[in-house]
Amino acid sequence: MENAAPISEADRAAIILMLMDDDSAAQLLAQLDPDELQRLGEKMLALGDVGPHGIASAIEGFVRNAQSETLGSHDRAQQLRRRMNSALGDVKAQSIMQKIAPEAQSRSLEMARWLAPPVLLRLLEGEHPQAIAVLLLLLEAEPAAQLLTLLPEDRQTDVIERIARMRTVSAQAMAMLDEMLSARIADSFGTAPLELGGAPEAAELINLSEGHVGKAVMPAITQRDADLARAIEAELFTFEMLFDLEPMAMGRLLRDIESEVLVDALKGLDEAGREPFFASMSSRAADGVKDEIELRGRIKMEDVKAAQKTIVAKARELADAGEISLGNDDGEFV
């Protein structure tokens, strides 16, 4: 066609279509009726060579028309979901949609992503392996792996095999999973709000984050709510942090700890975890504690945790007094 000659709207549509990749063009053509397809096909064949002017004119006309149009927001989530499903498949699309449009998602499936793996395990008791497989794919990788580990061994095999074979999940299956989770969450927790969050959870997030997060967050929270900051800070001091104490600081701490408390606390650790405590003692004292640990026999984990909390509380007291340094760097947030 002559580059300088004006082109019609039908010509512009034909040129734009030829500029698109095959898959995109095919999707667009699939939405036209037979008469429209025939007219557009005839235009595409009749165009001949299209020079830069023709291409620029077609694009300019397309942009001009677009400027007078609006994109309505009605049913936007469903439109996006359909396109995500087409591009990624039902399972991956569902996971993405949970992150970018949680208000449009099933509340039970969203709630499941917040529940601890042991809680989810109770909810899934007796459930079909296919449902468990779908749920694992909707969870983040780490909690999904923890939940898989908690499953009985025979179920683990069934679930992994189904995940490996899975390609698509029907909307009906997703609805059934949603209904099952809703019923079991209601049975387990009733209609009362779930107890989520609190100072321990906030402290755990800070502990798992990079070191600078705590130093940035804690002073700001202290300015807003000093009591809340103290509650979080109390939880930031974990028993595992004591492993990094210098021998002199550890020795100062252990002078204030009763032997029975120390034995109970160390009973829950492996040899590597006990070593920082023994390194601060004389060989004779360390051997004595080791003997007491062996003679102590089996004790409840709750007793171990209680003893460890006692030691952490004493460590915090000594840190506040400036006698030892506790934390990643200087141990101070305020």
C-alpha atoms as a PDB file:
ATOM      1  CA  MET A   1       0.000   0.000   0.000  1.00  0.00           C
ATOM      2  CA  GLU A   2       1.103   3.585  -0.544  1.00  0.00           C
ATOM      3  CA  ASN A   3       2.731   4.870   2.648  1.00  0.00           C
ATOM      4  CA  ALA A   4       1.456   8.449   2.209  1.00  0.00           C
ATOM      5  CA  ALA A   5      -2.196   7.453   1.577  1.00  0.00           C
ATOM      6  CA  PRO A   6      -4.605   7.689   4.500  1.00  0.00           C
ATOM      7  CA  ILE A   7      -5.583   4.369   6.028  1.00  0.00           C
ATOM      8  CA  SER A   8      -8.949   3.255   7.346  1.00  0.00           C
ATOM      9  CA  GLU A   9      -9.795   1.952  10.795  1.00  0.00           C
ATOM     10  CA  ALA A  10      -9.966  -1.559   9.350  1.00  0.00           C
ATOM     11  CA  ASP A  11      -6.485  -1.113   7.862  1.00  0.00           C
ATOM     12  CA  ARG A  12      -5.186   0.067  11.232  1.00  0.00           C
ATOM     13  CA  ALA A  13      -6.680  -2.998  12.947  1.00  0.00           C
ATOM     14  CA  ALA A  14      -5.056  -5.280  10.378  1.00  0.00           C
ATOM     15  CA  ILE A  15      -1.650  -3.619  10.832  1.00  0.00           C
ATOM     16  CA  ILE A  16      -1.829  -3.734  14.639  1.00  0.00           C
ATOM     17  CA  LEU A  17      -2.773  -7.405  14.450  1.00  0.00           C
ATOM     18  CA  MET A  18       0.205  -8.163  12.217  1.00  0.00           C
ATOM     19  CA  LEU A  19       2.511  -6.403  14.671  1.00  0.00           C
ATOM     20  CA  MET A  20       1.420  -8.737  17.476  1.00  0.00           C
ATOM     21  CA  ASP A  21       3.028 -12.093  18.213  1.00  0.00           C
ATOM     22  CA  ASP A  22       1.197 -15.212  17.052  1.00  0.00           C
ATOM     23  CA  ASP A  23      -0.221 -16.195  20.460  1.00  0.00           C
ATOM     24  CA  SER A  24      -1.558 -12.714  21.226  1.00  0.00           C
ATOM     25  CA  ALA A  25      -3.011 -12.360  17.756  1.00  0.00           C
ATOM     26  CA  ALA A  26      -4.680 -15.765  18.018  1.00  0.00           C
ATOM     27  CA  GLN A  27      -6.283 -14.836  21.347  1.00  0.00           C
ATOM     28  CA  LEU A  28      -7.641 -11.629  19.834  1.00  0.00           C
ATOM     29  CA  LEU A  29      -8.961 -13.331  16.698  1.00  0.00           C
ATOM     30  CA  ALA A  30     -10.723 -15.930  18.811  1.00  0.00           C
ATOM     31  CA  GLN A  31     -12.980 -13.170  20.206  1.00  0.00           C
ATOM     32  CA  LEU A  32     -14.261 -12.043  16.762  1.00  0.00           C
ATOM     33  CA  ASP A  33     -17.351 -13.354  14.981  1.00  0.00           C
ATOM     34  CA  PRO A  34     -17.062 -14.983  11.512  1.00  0.00           C
ATOM     35  CA  ASP A  35     -17.958 -11.822   9.561  1.00  0.00           C
ATOM     36  CA  GLU A  36     -15.389  -9.765  11.441  1.00  0.00           C
ATOM     37  CA  LEU A  37     -12.765 -12.441  10.888  1.00  0.00           C
ATOM     38  CA  GLN A  38     -13.476 -12.497   7.155  1.00  0.00           C
ATOM     39  CA  ARG A  39     -13.268  -8.712   6.777  1.00  0.00           C
ATOM     40  CA  LEU A  40     -10.105  -8.479   8.838  1.00  0.00           C
ATOM     41  CA  GLY A  41      -8.495 -11.348   6.935  1.00  0.00           C
ATOM     42  CA  GLU A  42      -9.280  -9.709   3.620  1.00  0.00           C
ATOM     43  CA  LYS A  43      -7.725  -6.444   4.828  1.00  0.00           C
ATOM     44  CA  MET A  44      -4.566  -8.208   5.989  1.00  0.00           C
ATOM     45  CA  LEU A  45      -4.107  -9.855   2.582  1.00  0.00           C
ATOM     46  CA  ALA A  46      -4.853  -6.644   0.683  1.00  0.00           C
ATOM     47  CA  LEU A  47      -2.409  -4.444   2.577  1.00  0.00           C
ATOM     48  CA  GLY A  48       0.718  -5.571   0.756  1.00  0.00           C
ATOM     49  CA  ASP A  49       3.973  -4.064   2.061  1.00  0.00           C
ATOM     50  CA  VAL A  50       3.462  -1.654   4.956  1.00  0.00           C
ATOM     51  CA  GLY A  51       6.158   0.987   5.413  1.00  0.00           C
ATOM     52  CA  PRO A  52       7.140   2.983   8.503  1.00  0.00           C
ATOM     53  CA  HIS A  53       4.525   5.658   7.793  1.00  0.00           C
ATOM     54  CA  GLY A  54       1.718   3.085   7.684  1.00  0.00           C
ATOM     55  CA  ILE A  55       2.879   1.435  10.895  1.00  0.00           C
ATOM     56  CA  ALA A  56       3.244   4.790  12.674  1.00  0.00           C
ATOM     57  CA  SER A  57      -0.204   5.898  11.459  1.00  0.00           C
ATOM     58  CA  ALA A  58      -1.797   2.672  12.692  1.00  0.00           C
ATOM     59  CA  ILE A  59      -0.194   2.987  16.094  1.00  0.00           C
ATOM     60  CA  GLU A  60      -1.105   6.686  16.298  1.00  0.00           C
ATOM     61  CA  GLY A  61      -4.735   5.874  15.527  1.00  0.00           C
ATOM     62  CA  PHE A  62      -4.715   3.091  18.114  1.00  0.00           C
ATOM     63  CA  VAL A  63      -3.335   5.451  20.766  1.00  0.00           C
ATOM     64  CA  ARG A  64      -5.827   8.154  19.828  1.00  0.00           C
ATOM     65  CA  ASN A  65      -8.748   5.749  20.219  1.00  0.00           C
ATOM     66  CA  ALA A  66      -7.337   4.442  23.480  1.00  0.00           C
ATOM     67  CA  GLN A  67      -7.208   7.966  24.914  1.00  0.00           C
ATOM     68  CA  SER A  68     -10.977   8.222  24.597  1.00  0.00           C
ATOM     69  CA  GLU A  69     -11.618   4.874  26.293  1.00  0.00           C
ATOM     70  CA  THR A  70     -11.782   3.957  29.986  1.00  0.00           C
ATOM     71  CA  LEU A  71     -11.067   0.642  31.665  1.00  0.00           C
ATOM     72  CA  GLY A  72     -13.817  -0.155  34.129  1.00  0.00           C
ATOM     73  CA  SER A  73     -12.929  -1.709  37.459  1.00  0.00           C
ATOM     74  CA  HIS A  74     -16.044  -3.889  37.605  1.00  0.00           C
ATOM     75  CA  ASP A  75     -15.142  -7.568  37.960  1.00  0.00           C
ATOM     76  CA  ARG A  76     -11.434  -6.679  37.692  1.00  0.00           C
ATOM     77  CA  ALA A  77     -10.387  -9.409  40.135  1.00  0.00           C
ATOM     78  CA  GLN A  78     -12.219 -12.106  38.177  1.00  0.00           C
ATOM     79  CA  GLN A  79     -10.759 -10.817  34.904  1.00  0.00           C
ATOM     80  CA  LEU A  80      -7.259 -10.919  36.357  1.00  0.00           C
ATOM     81  CA  ARG A  81      -7.884 -14.373  37.810  1.00  0.00           C
ATOM     82  CA  ARG A  82      -8.937 -15.732  34.402  1.00  0.00           C
ATOM     83  CA  ARG A  83      -5.789 -14.397  32.783  1.00  0.00           C
ATOM     84  CA  MET A  84      -3.588 -15.681  35.599  1.00  0.00           C
ATOM     85  CA  ASN A  85      -5.215 -19.114  35.279  1.00  0.00           C
ATOM     86  CA  SER A  86      -4.562 -19.114  31.554  1.00  0.00           C
ATOM     87  CA  ALA A  87      -0.934 -18.114  31.977  1.00  0.00           C
ATOM     88  CA  LEU A  88       0.042 -20.066  35.110  1.00  0.00           C
ATOM     89  CA  GLY A  89      -2.568 -22.723  35.764  1.00  0.00           C
ATOM     90  CA  ASP A  90      -5.125 -22.813  38.567  1.00  0.00           C
ATOM     91  CA  VAL A  91      -2.827 -23.663  41.495  1.00  0.00           C
ATOM     92  CA  LYS A  92      -0.081 -21.102  40.847  1.00  0.00           C
ATOM     93  CA  ALA A  93      -2.642 -18.477  39.889  1.00  0.00           C
ATOM     94  CA  GLN A  94      -4.482 -19.040  43.180  1.00  0.00           C
ATOM     95  CA  SER A  95      -1.249 -18.592  45.137  1.00  0.00           C
ATOM     96  CA  ILE A  96      -0.409 -15.345  43.309  1.00  0.00           C
ATOM     97  CA  MET A  97      -3.943 -13.996  43.716  1.00  0.00           C
ATOM     98  CA  GLN A  98      -3.781 -14.648  47.461  1.00  0.00           C
ATOM     99  CA  LYS A  99      -0.846 -12.254  47.638  1.00  0.00           C
ATOM    100  CA  ILE A 100      -2.020  -9.484  45.325  1.00  0.00           C
ATOM    101  CA  ALA A 101      -5.779  -9.560  45.997  1.00  0.00           C
ATOM    102  CA  PRO A 102      -6.389 -11.202  49.387  1.00  0.00           C
ATOM    103  CA  GLU A 103      -9.787  -9.579  49.760  1.00  0.00           C
ATOM    104  CA  ALA A 104     -10.998 -11.564  46.770  1.00  0.00           C
ATOM    105  CA  GLN A 105      -9.765 -14.868  48.132  1.00  0.00           C
ATOM    106  CA  SER A 106     -11.333 -17.513  50.275  1.00  0.00           C
ATOM    107  CA  ARG A 107     -11.016 -16.510  53.903  1.00  0.00           C
ATOM    108  CA  SER A 108     -10.403 -20.088  54.997  1.00  0.00           C
ATOM    109  CA  LEU A 109      -7.545 -20.593  52.533  1.00  0.00           C
ATOM    110  CA  GLU A 110      -6.036 -17.276  53.562  1.00  0.00           C
ATOM    111  CA  MET A 111      -6.386 -18.228  57.230  1.00  0.00           C
ATOM    112  CA  ALA A 112      -4.687 -21.567  56.550  1.00  0.00           C
ATOM    113  CA  ARG A 113      -1.587 -19.703  55.405  1.00  0.00           C
ATOM    114  CA  TRP A 114      -1.323 -18.127  58.876  1.00  0.00           C
ATOM    115  CA  LEU A 115      -1.821 -21.271  60.926  1.00  0.00           C
ATOM    116  CA  ALA A 116       1.156 -23.186  62.295  1.00  0.00           C
ATOM    117  CA  PRO A 117       1.856 -26.569  60.643  1.00  0.00           C
ATOM    118  CA  PRO A 118       0.852 -28.567  63.778  1.00  0.00           C
ATOM    119  CA  VAL A 119      -2.514 -26.768  63.783  1.00  0.00           C
ATOM    120  CA  LEU A 120      -2.993 -27.469  60.084  1.00  0.00           C
ATOM    121  CA  LEU A 121      -2.130 -31.101  60.704  1.00  0.00           C
ATOM    122  CA  ARG A 122      -5.094 -31.411  63.083  1.00  0.00           C
ATOM    123  CA  LEU A 123      -7.369 -29.724  60.571  1.00  0.00           C
ATOM    124  CA  LEU A 124      -6.332 -32.176  57.847  1.00  0.00           C
ATOM    125  CA  GLU A 125      -6.772 -35.332  59.932  1.00  0.00           C
ATOM    126  CA  GLY A 126      -8.447 -37.998  57.828  1.00  0.00           C
ATOM    127  CA  GLU A 127      -8.553 -35.748  54.754  1.00  0.00           C
ATOM    128  CA  HIS A 128      -7.949 -37.082  51.235  1.00  0.00           C
ATOM    129  CA  PRO A 129      -4.304 -36.853  50.057  1.00  0.00           C
ATOM    130  CA  GLN A 130      -5.387 -34.820  47.015  1.00  0.00           C
ATOM    131  CA  ALA A 131      -6.795 -32.060  49.222  1.00  0.00           C
ATOM    132  CA  ILE A 132      -3.628 -32.072  51.322  1.00  0.00           C
ATOM    133  CA  ALA A 133      -1.505 -31.856  48.162  1.00  0.00           C
ATOM    134  CA  VAL A 134      -3.427 -28.832  46.899  1.00  0.00           C
ATOM    135  CA  LEU A 135      -3.143 -27.078  50.247  1.00  0.00           C
ATOM    136  CA  LEU A 136       0.614 -27.676  50.388  1.00  0.00           C
ATOM    137  CA  LEU A 137       0.957 -26.012  46.989  1.00  0.00           C
ATOM    138  CA  LEU A 138      -0.950 -22.982  48.251  1.00  0.00           C
ATOM    139  CA  LEU A 139       1.294 -22.563  51.307  1.00  0.00           C
ATOM    140  CA  GLU A 140       4.718 -20.984  51.388  1.00  0.00           C
ATOM    141  CA  ALA A 141       7.527 -23.506  50.867  1.00  0.00           C
ATOM    142  CA  GLU A 142       8.837 -23.572  54.447  1.00  0.00           C
ATOM    143  CA  PRO A 143       5.549 -24.189  56.329  1.00  0.00           C
ATOM    144  CA  ALA A 144       4.488 -26.594  53.575  1.00  0.00           C
ATOM    145  CA  ALA A 145       7.665 -28.616  54.133  1.00  0.00           C
ATOM    146  CA  GLN A 146       7.092 -28.593  57.897  1.00  0.00           C
ATOM    147  CA  LEU A 147       3.530 -29.811  57.426  1.00  0.00           C
ATOM    148  CA  LEU A 148       4.701 -32.560  55.070  1.00  0.00           C
ATOM    149  CA  THR A 149       7.202 -33.701  57.695  1.00  0.00           C
ATOM    150  CA  LEU A 150       4.437 -33.993  60.291  1.00  0.00           C
ATOM    151  CA  LEU A 151       2.254 -36.191  58.100  1.00  0.00           C
ATOM    152  CA  PRO A 152       2.341 -39.989  58.582  1.00  0.00           C
ATOM    153  CA  GLU A 153       4.907 -41.612  56.296  1.00  0.00           C
ATOM    154  CA  ASP A 154       2.317 -43.390  54.166  1.00  0.00           C
ATOM    155  CA  ARG A 155       0.524 -40.074  53.604  1.00  0.00           C
ATOM    156  CA  GLN A 156       3.788 -38.334  52.722  1.00  0.00           C
ATOM    157  CA  THR A 157       4.292 -40.679  49.772  1.00  0.00           C
ATOM    158  CA  ASP A 158       0.733 -40.255  48.492  1.00  0.00           C
ATOM    159  CA  VAL A 159       0.883 -36.471  48.793  1.00  0.00           C
ATOM    160  CA  ILE A 160       4.264 -36.080  47.057  1.00  0.00           C
ATOM    161  CA  GLU A 161       3.174 -38.359  44.222  1.00  0.00           C
ATOM    162  CA  ARG A 162      -0.009 -36.342  43.708  1.00  0.00           C
ATOM    163  CA  ILE A 163       1.910 -33.055  43.752  1.00  0.00           C
ATOM    164  CA  ALA A 164       4.346 -34.397  41.151  1.00  0.00           C
ATOM    165  CA  ARG A 165       1.502 -35.536  38.896  1.00  0.00           C
ATOM    166  CA  MET A 166      -0.652 -32.454  39.380  1.00  0.00           C
ATOM    167  CA  ARG A 167      -1.080 -30.046  36.494  1.00  0.00           C
ATOM    168  CA  THR A 168      -4.411 -28.317  37.075  1.00  0.00           C
ATOM    169  CA  VAL A 169      -6.955 -28.058  39.871  1.00  0.00           C
ATOM    170  CA  SER A 170     -10.590 -27.482  39.073  1.00  0.00           C
ATOM    171  CA  ALA A 171     -12.572 -24.642  40.579  1.00  0.00           C
ATOM    172  CA  GLN A 172     -14.860 -27.259  42.112  1.00  0.00           C
ATOM    173  CA  ALA A 173     -11.927 -28.890  43.918  1.00  0.00           C
ATOM    174  CA  MET A 174     -10.807 -25.499  45.248  1.00  0.00           C
ATOM    175  CA  ALA A 175     -14.332 -24.805  46.478  1.00  0.00           C
ATOM    176  CA  MET A 176     -14.448 -28.188  48.250  1.00  0.00           C
ATOM    177  CA  LEU A 177     -11.098 -27.497  49.919  1.00  0.00           C
ATOM    178  CA  ASP A 178     -12.364 -24.082  50.990  1.00  0.00           C
ATOM    179  CA  GLU A 179     -15.544 -25.591  52.427  1.00  0.00           C
ATOM    180  CA  MET A 180     -13.629 -28.301  54.290  1.00  0.00           C
ATOM    181  CA  LEU A 181     -11.195 -25.831  55.841  1.00  0.00           C
ATOM    182  CA  SER A 182     -13.995 -23.444  56.805  1.00  0.00           C
ATOM    183  CA  ALA A 183     -15.870 -26.210  58.621  1.00  0.00           C
ATOM    184  CA  ARG A 184     -12.810 -27.545  60.415  1.00  0.00           C
ATOM    185  CA  ILE A 185     -11.528 -24.129  61.438  1.00  0.00           C
ATOM    186  CA  ALA A 186     -14.964 -23.378  62.856  1.00  0.00           C
ATOM    187  CA  ASP A 187     -15.026 -26.722  64.706  1.00  0.00           C
ATOM    188  CA  SER A 188     -11.544 -26.178  66.135  1.00  0.00           C
ATOM    189  CA  PHE A 189     -11.737 -22.508  67.038  1.00  0.00           C
ATOM    190  CA  GLY A 190     -15.451 -21.738  67.119  1.00  0.00           C
ATOM    191  CA  THR A 191     -16.655 -18.339  66.084  1.00  0.00           C
ATOM    192  CA  ALA A 192     -14.379 -16.439  68.466  1.00  0.00           C
ATOM    193  CA  PRO A 193     -11.465 -14.547  66.919  1.00  0.00           C
ATOM    194  CA  LEU A 194      -8.212 -16.483  66.703  1.00  0.00           C
ATOM    195  CA  GLU A 195      -5.464 -15.439  69.075  1.00  0.00           C
ATOM    196  CA  LEU A 196      -2.745 -14.258  66.734  1.00  0.00           C
ATOM    197  CA  GLY A 197       0.134 -11.883  67.285  1.00  0.00           C
ATOM    198  CA  GLY A 198       1.548 -10.452  70.480  1.00  0.00           C
ATOM    199  CA  ALA A 199       4.963  -9.509  71.819  1.00  0.00           C
ATOM    200  CA  PRO A 200       6.457 -13.033  71.412  1.00  0.00           C
ATOM    201  CA  GLU A 201       5.476 -13.185  67.748  1.00  0.00           C
ATOM    202  CA  ALA A 202       6.781  -9.664  67.117  1.00  0.00           C
ATOM    203  CA  ALA A 203      10.066 -10.522  68.827  1.00  0.00           C
ATOM    204  CA  GLU A 204      10.387 -13.743  66.827  1.00  0.00           C
ATOM    205  CA  LEU A 205      10.051 -11.816  63.569  1.00  0.00           C
ATOM    206  CA  ILE A 206      12.736  -9.380  64.690  1.00  0.00           C
ATOM    207  CA  ASN A 207      15.015 -12.232  65.752  1.00  0.00           C
ATOM    208  CA  LEU A 208      14.619 -13.890  62.331  1.00  0.00           C
ATOM    209  CA  SER A 209      15.231 -10.624  60.474  1.00  0.00           C
ATOM    210  CA  GLU A 210      18.558  -9.000  59.731  1.00  0.00           C
ATOM    211  CA  GLY A 211      20.229  -7.329  62.693  1.00  0.00           C
ATOM    212  CA  HIS A 212      19.471  -3.762  61.588  1.00  0.00           C
ATOM    213  CA  VAL A 213      15.699  -4.371  61.731  1.00  0.00           C
ATOM    214  CA  GLY A 214      15.610  -4.512  65.517  1.00  0.00           C
ATOM    215  CA  LYS A 215      17.810  -1.447  65.862  1.00  0.00           C
ATOM    216  CA  ALA A 216      15.502   0.529  63.575  1.00  0.00           C
ATOM    217  CA  VAL A 217      12.182  -0.731  64.919  1.00  0.00           C
ATOM    218  CA  MET A 218      12.689  -0.850  68.667  1.00  0.00           C
ATOM    219  CA  PRO A 219      13.616   2.824  69.263  1.00  0.00           C
ATOM    220  CA  ALA A 220      10.593   3.905  67.198  1.00  0.00           C
ATOM    221  CA  ILE A 221       8.251   1.643  69.168  1.00  0.00           C
ATOM    222  CA  THR A 222       9.764   2.879  72.428  1.00  0.00           C
ATOM    223  CA  GLN A 223       8.808   6.438  71.487  1.00  0.00           C
ATOM    224  CA  ARG A 224       5.246   5.381  70.674  1.00  0.00           C
ATOM    225  CA  ASP A 225       4.604   2.921  73.507  1.00  0.00           C
ATOM    226  CA  ALA A 226       7.351   2.268  76.062  1.00  0.00           C
ATOM    227  CA  ASP A 227       5.448  -0.570  77.768  1.00  0.00           C
ATOM    228  CA  LEU A 228       4.936  -2.397  74.486  1.00  0.00           C
ATOM    229  CA  ALA A 229       8.608  -1.927  73.618  1.00  0.00           C
ATOM    230  CA  ARG A 230       9.645  -3.463  76.946  1.00  0.00           C
ATOM    231  CA  ALA A 231       7.331  -6.421  76.365  1.00  0.00           C
ATOM    232  CA  ILE A 232       8.855  -7.065  72.932  1.00  0.00           C
ATOM    233  CA  GLU A 233      12.398  -6.513  74.165  1.00  0.00           C
ATOM    234  CA  ALA A 234      11.878  -9.061  76.928  1.00  0.00           C
ATOM    235  CA  GLU A 235      11.036 -11.645  74.281  1.00  0.00           C
ATOM    236  CA  LEU A 236      14.026 -10.711  72.146  1.00  0.00           C
ATOM    237  CA  PHE A 237      16.387 -12.255  74.659  1.00  0.00           C
ATOM    238  CA  THR A 238      16.307 -15.957  73.813  1.00  0.00           C
ATOM    239  CA  PHE A 239      18.203 -18.772  75.462  1.00  0.00           C
ATOM    240  CA  GLU A 240      20.121 -19.419  72.247  1.00  0.00           C
ATOM    241  CA  MET A 241      21.600 -15.908  72.462  1.00  0.00           C
ATOM    242  CA  LEU A 242      23.535 -17.043  75.516  1.00  0.00           C
ATOM    243  CA  PHE A 243      25.623 -19.327  73.298  1.00  0.00           C
ATOM    244  CA  ASP A 244      27.472 -16.242  72.041  1.00  0.00           C
ATOM    245  CA  LEU A 245      28.497 -14.981  75.477  1.00  0.00           C
ATOM    246  CA  GLU A 246      32.200 -14.640  76.149  1.00  0.00           C
ATOM    247  CA  PRO A 247      33.464 -17.186  78.741  1.00  0.00           C
ATOM    248  CA  MET A 248      33.976 -14.447  81.331  1.00  0.00           C
ATOM    249  CA  ALA A 249      30.393 -13.155  80.862  1.00  0.00           C
ATOM    250  CA  MET A 250      29.034 -16.705  80.919  1.00  0.00           C
ATOM    251  CA  GLY A 251      30.934 -17.397  84.128  1.00  0.00           C
ATOM    252  CA  ARG A 252      29.440 -14.266  85.700  1.00  0.00           C
ATOM    253  CA  LEU A 253      25.955 -15.427  84.713  1.00  0.00           C
ATOM    254  CA  LEU A 254      26.382 -18.967  86.003  1.00  0.00           C
ATOM    255  CA  ARG A 255      27.501 -17.737  89.420  1.00  0.00           C
ATOM    256  CA  ASP A 256      23.893 -16.613  89.976  1.00  0.00           C
ATOM    257  CA  ILE A 257      22.269 -19.809  88.635  1.00  0.00           C
ATOM    258  CA  GLU A 258      21.426 -22.728  90.894  1.00  0.00           C
ATOM    259  CA  SER A 259      22.943 -26.044  89.846  1.00  0.00           C
ATOM    260  CA  GLU A 260      19.574 -27.768  89.496  1.00  0.00           C
ATOM    261  CA  VAL A 261      18.272 -25.023  87.177  1.00  0.00           C
ATOM    262  CA  LEU A 262      21.398 -25.230  85.021  1.00  0.00           C
ATOM    263  CA  VAL A 263      21.151 -29.015  84.758  1.00  0.00           C
ATOM    264  CA  ASP A 264      17.504 -28.848  83.688  1.00  0.00           C
ATOM    265  CA  ALA A 265      18.259 -26.127  81.121  1.00  0.00           C
ATOM    266  CA  LEU A 266      21.195 -28.017  79.601  1.00  0.00           C
ATOM    267  CA  LYS A 267      19.262 -31.276  79.576  1.00  0.00           C
ATOM    268  CA  GLY A 268      17.388 -30.057  76.499  1.00  0.00           C
ATOM    269  CA  LEU A 269      20.548 -29.225  74.505  1.00  0.00           C
ATOM    270  CA  ASP A 270      22.873 -31.335  72.429  1.00  0.00           C
ATOM    271  CA  GLU A 271      26.612 -31.457  73.120  1.00  0.00           C
ATOM    272  CA  ALA A 272      27.341 -28.473  70.863  1.00  0.00           C
ATOM    273  CA  GLY A 273      24.748 -26.350  72.669  1.00  0.00           C
ATOM    274  CA  ARG A 274      26.169 -27.249  76.089  1.00  0.00           C
ATOM    275  CA  GLU A 275      29.775 -26.481  75.148  1.00  0.00           C
ATOM    276  CA  PRO A 276      29.599 -22.645  75.629  1.00  0.00           C
ATOM    277  CA  PHE A 277      28.444 -23.239  79.214  1.00  0.00           C
ATOM    278  CA  PHE A 278      31.129 -25.830  79.967  1.00  0.00           C
ATOM    279  CA  ALA A 279      33.820 -23.595  78.406  1.00  0.00           C
ATOM    280  CA  SER A 280      33.295 -21.032  81.159  1.00  0.00           C
ATOM    281  CA  MET A 281      33.763 -23.622  83.958  1.00  0.00           C
ATOM    282  CA  SER A 282      36.743 -25.403  85.313  1.00  0.00           C
ATOM    283  CA  SER A 283      37.196 -28.974  84.090  1.00  0.00           C
ATOM    284  CA  ARG A 284      36.131 -30.311  87.472  1.00  0.00           C
ATOM    285  CA  ALA A 285      32.976 -28.186  87.591  1.00  0.00           C
ATOM    286  CA  ALA A 286      32.055 -29.074  84.009  1.00  0.00           C
ATOM    287  CA  ASP A 287      32.508 -32.787  84.711  1.00  0.00           C
ATOM    288  CA  GLY A 288      30.287 -32.448  87.757  1.00  0.00           C
ATOM    289  CA  VAL A 289      27.485 -30.824  85.745  1.00  0.00           C
ATOM    290  CA  LYS A 290      27.810 -33.472  83.043  1.00  0.00           C
ATOM    291  CA  ASP A 291      27.440 -36.196  85.650  1.00  0.00           C
ATOM    292  CA  GLU A 292      24.360 -34.509  87.086  1.00  0.00           C
ATOM    293  CA  ILE A 293      22.824 -34.280  83.626  1.00  0.00           C
ATOM    294  CA  GLU A 294      23.297 -38.014  83.119  1.00  0.00           C
ATOM    295  CA  LEU A 295      21.854 -38.824  86.533  1.00  0.00           C
ATOM    296  CA  ARG A 296      18.902 -36.496  86.089  1.00  0.00           C
ATOM    297  CA  GLY A 297      17.073 -38.909  83.811  1.00  0.00           C
ATOM    298  CA  ARG A 298      14.229 -37.863  81.569  1.00  0.00           C
ATOM    299  CA  ILE A 299      12.396 -34.614  82.306  1.00  0.00           C
ATOM    300  CA  LYS A 300       9.502 -32.820  80.643  1.00  0.00           C
ATOM    301  CA  MET A 301      10.278 -30.313  77.947  1.00  0.00           C
ATOM    302  CA  GLU A 302       8.212 -27.731  79.806  1.00  0.00           C
ATOM    303  CA  ASP A 303      10.618 -28.072  82.757  1.00  0.00           C
ATOM    304  CA  VAL A 304      13.548 -27.546  80.395  1.00  0.00           C
ATOM    305  CA  LYS A 305      11.934 -24.409  78.970  1.00  0.00           C
ATOM    306  CA  ALA A 306      11.145 -23.094  82.445  1.00  0.00           C
ATOM    307  CA  ALA A 307      14.770 -23.500  83.529  1.00  0.00           C
ATOM    308  CA  GLN A 308      16.002 -21.805  80.377  1.00  0.00           C
ATOM    309  CA  LYS A 309      13.633 -18.886  80.945  1.00  0.00           C
ATOM    310  CA  THR A 310      14.991 -18.514  84.461  1.00  0.00           C
ATOM    311  CA  ILE A 311      18.521 -18.247  83.124  1.00  0.00           C
ATOM    312  CA  VAL A 312      17.461 -15.789  80.402  1.00  0.00           C
ATOM    313  CA  ALA A 313      15.740 -13.617  83.010  1.00  0.00           C
ATOM    314  CA  LYS A 314      18.926 -13.510  85.081  1.00  0.00           C
ATOM    315  CA  ALA A 315      20.967 -12.726  81.956  1.00  0.00           C
ATOM    316  CA  ARG A 316      18.620  -9.850  81.158  1.00  0.00           C
ATOM    317  CA  GLU A 317      18.983  -8.554  84.714  1.00  0.00           C
ATOM    318  CA  LEU A 318      22.781  -8.608  84.458  1.00  0.00           C
ATOM    319  CA  ALA A 319      22.640  -6.978  80.999  1.00  0.00           C
ATOM    320  CA  ASP A 320      20.453  -4.162  82.345  1.00  0.00           C
ATOM    321  CA  ALA A 321      22.990  -3.671  85.133  1.00  0.00           C
ATOM    322  CA  GLY A 322      25.777  -3.453  82.573  1.00  0.00           C
ATOM    323  CA  GLU A 323      27.610  -6.523  83.897  1.00  0.00           C
ATOM    324  CA  ILE A 324      27.317  -8.519  80.672  1.00  0.00           C
ATOM    325  CA  SER A 325      26.567  -7.659  77.038  1.00  0.00           C
ATOM    326  CA  LEU A 326      23.663  -9.534  75.537  1.00  0.00           C
ATOM    327  CA  GLY A 327      22.477  -9.310  71.928  1.00  0.00           C
ATOM    328  CA  ASN A 328      23.789  -9.232  68.386  1.00  0.00           C
ATOM    329  CA  ASP A 329      26.044  -6.219  68.874  1.00  0.00           C
ATOM    330  CA  ASP A 330      25.776  -4.079  71.977  1.00  0.00           C
ATOM    331  CA  GLY A 331      22.490  -5.688  73.031  1.00  0.00           C
ATOM    332  CA  GLU A 332      20.826  -2.290  73.377  1.00  0.00           C
ATOM    333  CA  PHE A 333      17.853  -0.921  71.481  1.00  0.00           C
ATOM    334  CA  VAL A 334      17.221   2.283  73.426  1.00  0.00           C
END
